[in-house]
Amino acid sequence: MKLILHADDFGLNQSVNRAIVDAAQRGVLKSASIIVNGMAAEEAIAAAPGAHIDAGIHLNIVRGRPLFPPSEVRTLVDGEGKFFNSVFRLMIHSVLGRIDADEVYREYRRQILFMIERGLPPTHFDGEKHSHLLISEAVQAVGRLMDEFSIPGVRTINERQFIKLLNSHKSNVNIHTGRRAGLLFLEYRSRKAQKKWTRFKSPDYTFGIGIGGAASRQDAAAILHSILNLPAEGSVEWILHPGYRFDYQEEEFRKHYGTFRRAGSRIAEADFLLSDETAEGARTYASRFISYGDL
């Protein structure tokens, strides 16, 4: 089984950037996606080549501020000119027909160009809170942009099947109770999106949503060992959100980005990536560690 250890939110802030670059420099992490309206996006784009990170784009119409002036993406922002800071609210607006599909396309396109203009074309697409799969306007925009920029790589969700595969080989991985319904819905929306896209490349499976930072360093190391020793063909993306300690209630961050959670799980996932066990796995099974560019 080939494995993509992938870090989302590269560029969110400096603590996230440091954790991702440190993991890459240890030879563990090869893949990350840059959130270009993050507070440290320029730093992440500059750091990726030197750290040998294949960088995708973390398409974002959920948090922070758009790259376009708010007056040009009115259906995507609140009265303060920021995204809604809620994927649920975004979905409700989509269902009610309040999202302009062309605004989604133009904002996504501007985010892609942000990377390209700085010399770092993205290897693939994924989305903040998987929103690139959750609303029809985003699915449509991603399909257009795949063809326009010749970027076939995109994250799709297929996690429950992978957990069954793991557990059939004597692993003991359970989906966090509070995430079961959300994961089921994500997989449903992912299947619908794939029917809209003419050509794309994705890993065969995903992992990490169901446990979502709840695994201890020791449990995560055991899961990594199980994945690398699966007697099965295919590829899996382990979705991670590493970061060092950071005050997500800091006034400047909240002013730019609103409320944000996952602080504790970010530290736990950074600890896992930087552990000796993970580094040893990367050395022993080097040929199994890949990125989206290897698909």
Foldseek 3Di string as FASTA:
>chain_A
DFEAAEAEACQQDVQLVVLQLLLLQLLQHAEYEYACLHPRRVVRLVSCVVSNHQYAHAQELQWFAFPDACVLQVLQDDPVRTGPNDLVVVLVCLVVVSGDLVSSLVRSVVRQVVSVVVPRHHQAYAYDVRSCLRHPSSLVSRQVVCVVVVRQEYEAADAPVVVVLLVVVPQDDDFDPVCVVVSVVRNVSRVVSVVVHPGHDYWPHEDCSRCPLVDALVSVLVSLVSVLPRPDDTYYYYYAHAGDADPCVDPVNCVRTNHDDCRVSNPRRSCNSNDPSSSVVCVVRVVSHDYSNVD
